[in-house]
Amino acid sequence: MLAGMDMEKSATAPDEGVADVLDLTESMAAPAPQPPMFRAIEGQSDVFFAEESQEPPPPPYQEPPPRPAPVESALLSAATTHAVDAAFNTLAHTVLSQNARTLEDLVKDMMRPMLKAWLDDNLPSLVERVVRAEIERVSRGRS
């Protein structure tokens, strides 16, 4: 619609439309942007590296040697200590060879009666409930 009005004006008054037209030439083009200029800043660096010192590194930590035990008379003689050690070793070997049961075996023996009691109390009702649910599922599938 506006294009039709512009044609009518140009047909009747040719000089009027010339004033509205902008002529873009190279003289009116914007100048090319100049690359940014960077200036160097003279200053001191904020990073400093220290020279290695000539001192040797400290030796690794070593525990001090154990102190000698204070000289006291022993409460038990060497023969008594040896006899007690031998008796306990004999007891340990006897218990381990005759009753070589592991902790797992002991737990099994303790859990067996508890598990049996729980199954006796709960298994029949559990199986009945599961079977009833399966029967209902199968019967719905056929209908």
Protein backbone atom coordinates (compact mmCIF):
# COMPACT_ATOMS: atom_id res chain seq x y z
CA MET A 1 0.00 0.00 0.00
CA LEU A 2 2.78 2.40 0.84
CA ALA A 3 4.67 1.37 -2.26
CA GLY A 4 1.69 2.48 -4.35
CA MET A 5 1.62 5.86 -2.64
CA ASP A 6 5.36 6.33 -3.23
CA MET A 7 4.89 5.61 -6.94
CA GLU A 8 2.18 8.21 -7.17
CA LYS A 9 4.38 10.86 -5.56
CA SER A 10 7.37 10.06 -7.76
CA ALA A 11 5.21 10.28 -10.86
CA THR A 12 3.87 13.67 -9.90
CA ALA A 13 6.85 15.25 -8.15
CA PRO A 14 10.19 13.66 -9.04
CA ASP A 15 12.33 16.06 -6.94
CA GLU A 16 10.55 15.37 -3.67
CA GLY A 17 11.72 11.70 -3.35
CA VAL A 18 15.36 12.61 -3.95
CA ALA A 19 15.69 14.43 -0.62
CA ASP A 20 14.63 11.31 1.33
CA VAL A 21 17.22 9.00 -0.23
CA LEU A 22 20.54 8.61 1.53
CA ASP A 23 23.54 8.18 -0.66
CA LEU A 24 26.07 5.82 0.97
CA THR A 25 29.45 6.27 -0.57
CA GLU A 26 32.96 5.45 0.49
CA SER A 27 33.42 8.97 1.82
CA MET A 28 30.61 8.39 4.33
CA ALA A 29 31.82 4.97 5.47
CA ALA A 30 33.11 4.67 9.04
CA PRO A 31 36.89 4.57 9.34
CA ALA A 32 38.43 1.14 9.82
CA PRO A 33 39.05 0.38 13.49
CA GLN A 34 42.65 0.74 14.56
CA PRO A 35 44.22 -2.15 16.47
CA PRO A 36 44.49 -1.39 20.19
CA MET A 37 47.79 0.00 21.32
CA PHE A 38 49.31 -1.64 24.37
CA ARG A 39 51.82 0.13 26.44
CA ALA A 40 54.40 -1.68 28.46
CA ILE A 41 54.33 -1.21 32.19
CA GLU A 42 57.74 -1.01 33.73
CA GLY A 43 57.68 -2.44 37.20
CA GLN A 44 59.03 -5.08 39.47
CA SER A 45 57.78 -8.61 39.44
CA ASP A 46 55.77 -9.75 42.43
CA VAL A 47 57.18 -13.27 42.16
CA PHE A 48 60.53 -13.89 43.79
CA PHE A 49 62.54 -17.09 43.80
CA ALA A 50 64.79 -17.72 46.74
CA GLU A 51 68.18 -19.24 46.24
CA GLU A 52 68.69 -22.67 47.78
CA SER A 53 70.48 -22.45 51.06
CA GLN A 54 73.81 -24.15 51.43
CA GLU A 55 72.70 -25.87 54.66
CA PRO A 56 72.10 -29.61 54.38
CA PRO A 57 68.52 -30.77 54.92
CA PRO A 58 67.71 -31.95 58.42
CA PRO A 59 68.08 -35.70 58.94
CA PRO A 60 64.89 -37.78 58.97
CA TYR A 61 63.27 -38.40 62.32
CA GLN A 62 64.74 -41.34 64.19
CA GLU A 63 63.33 -42.74 67.36
CA PRO A 64 65.67 -42.58 70.28
CA PRO A 65 67.21 -45.90 71.30
CA PRO A 66 65.22 -47.76 73.97
CA ARG A 67 66.26 -47.15 77.51
CA PRO A 68 67.77 -50.07 79.32
CA ALA A 69 65.37 -51.62 81.79
CA PRO A 70 66.05 -50.73 85.36
CA VAL A 71 67.93 -53.46 87.10
CA GLU A 72 65.50 -55.16 89.41
CA SER A 73 65.21 -58.71 90.46
CA ALA A 74 62.57 -60.54 88.41
CA LEU A 75 59.46 -61.64 90.23
CA LEU A 76 59.59 -65.08 88.56
CA SER A 77 62.66 -67.12 87.88
CA ALA A 78 63.52 -68.14 84.30
CA ALA A 79 62.61 -71.79 85.01
CA THR A 80 59.16 -70.81 86.32
CA THR A 81 58.48 -68.54 83.34
CA HIS A 82 59.47 -71.32 80.94
CA ALA A 83 57.22 -73.85 82.73
CA VAL A 84 54.20 -71.49 82.60
CA ASP A 85 54.76 -70.75 78.90
CA ALA A 86 55.01 -74.46 78.10
CA ALA A 87 51.79 -75.22 80.02
CA PHE A 88 49.81 -72.52 78.18
CA ASN A 89 51.18 -73.66 74.80
CA THR A 90 50.15 -77.24 75.55
CA LEU A 91 46.65 -76.06 76.50
CA ALA A 92 46.30 -73.98 73.32
CA HIS A 93 47.38 -76.88 71.06
CA THR A 94 45.03 -79.29 72.84
CA VAL A 95 42.01 -77.00 72.52
CA LEU A 96 42.69 -76.23 68.86
CA SER A 97 43.28 -79.85 67.83
CA GLN A 98 40.27 -81.33 69.68
CA ASN A 99 37.82 -78.48 69.07
CA ALA A 100 38.88 -77.13 65.70
CA ARG A 101 35.60 -75.27 65.31
CA THR A 102 35.55 -71.91 63.66
CA LEU A 103 33.45 -68.97 64.64
CA GLU A 104 31.27 -69.73 61.64
CA ASP A 105 30.52 -73.20 63.02
CA LEU A 106 29.57 -71.75 66.38
CA VAL A 107 27.25 -69.20 64.77
CA LYS A 108 25.60 -71.90 62.64
CA ASP A 109 24.93 -73.99 65.73
CA MET A 110 23.42 -71.02 67.54
CA MET A 111 21.29 -69.85 64.60
CA ARG A 112 19.87 -73.25 63.61
CA PRO A 113 17.27 -73.49 66.43
CA MET A 114 16.24 -69.84 66.01
CA LEU A 115 15.83 -70.25 62.25
CA LYS A 116 13.84 -73.47 62.72
CA ALA A 117 11.45 -71.77 65.16
CA TRP A 118 10.93 -68.81 62.81
CA LEU A 119 10.27 -71.04 59.80
CA ASP A 120 7.81 -73.19 61.81
CA ASP A 121 5.91 -70.06 62.81
CA ASN A 122 5.94 -68.12 59.52
CA LEU A 123 6.53 -70.41 56.53
CA PRO A 124 3.04 -71.98 56.23
CA SER A 125 1.22 -68.63 56.18
CA LEU A 126 3.83 -67.13 53.83
CA VAL A 127 3.54 -69.98 51.32
CA GLU A 128 -0.27 -69.92 51.54
CA ARG A 129 -0.35 -66.18 50.80
CA VAL A 130 2.02 -66.48 47.82
CA VAL A 131 0.12 -69.46 46.35
CA ARG A 132 -3.22 -67.65 46.73
CA ALA A 133 -1.81 -64.58 44.92
CA GLU A 134 -0.46 -66.78 42.08
CA ILE A 135 -3.81 -68.57 41.71
CA GLU A 136 -5.61 -65.23 41.42
CA ARG A 137 -3.11 -64.02 38.82
CA VAL A 138 -3.47 -67.14 36.68
CA SER A 139 -7.28 -67.15 36.94
CA ARG A 140 -7.47 -63.51 35.79
CA GLY A 141 -5.34 -64.32 32.76
CA ARG A 142 -7.82 -66.94 31.52
CA SER A 143 -10.95 -64.81 31.90
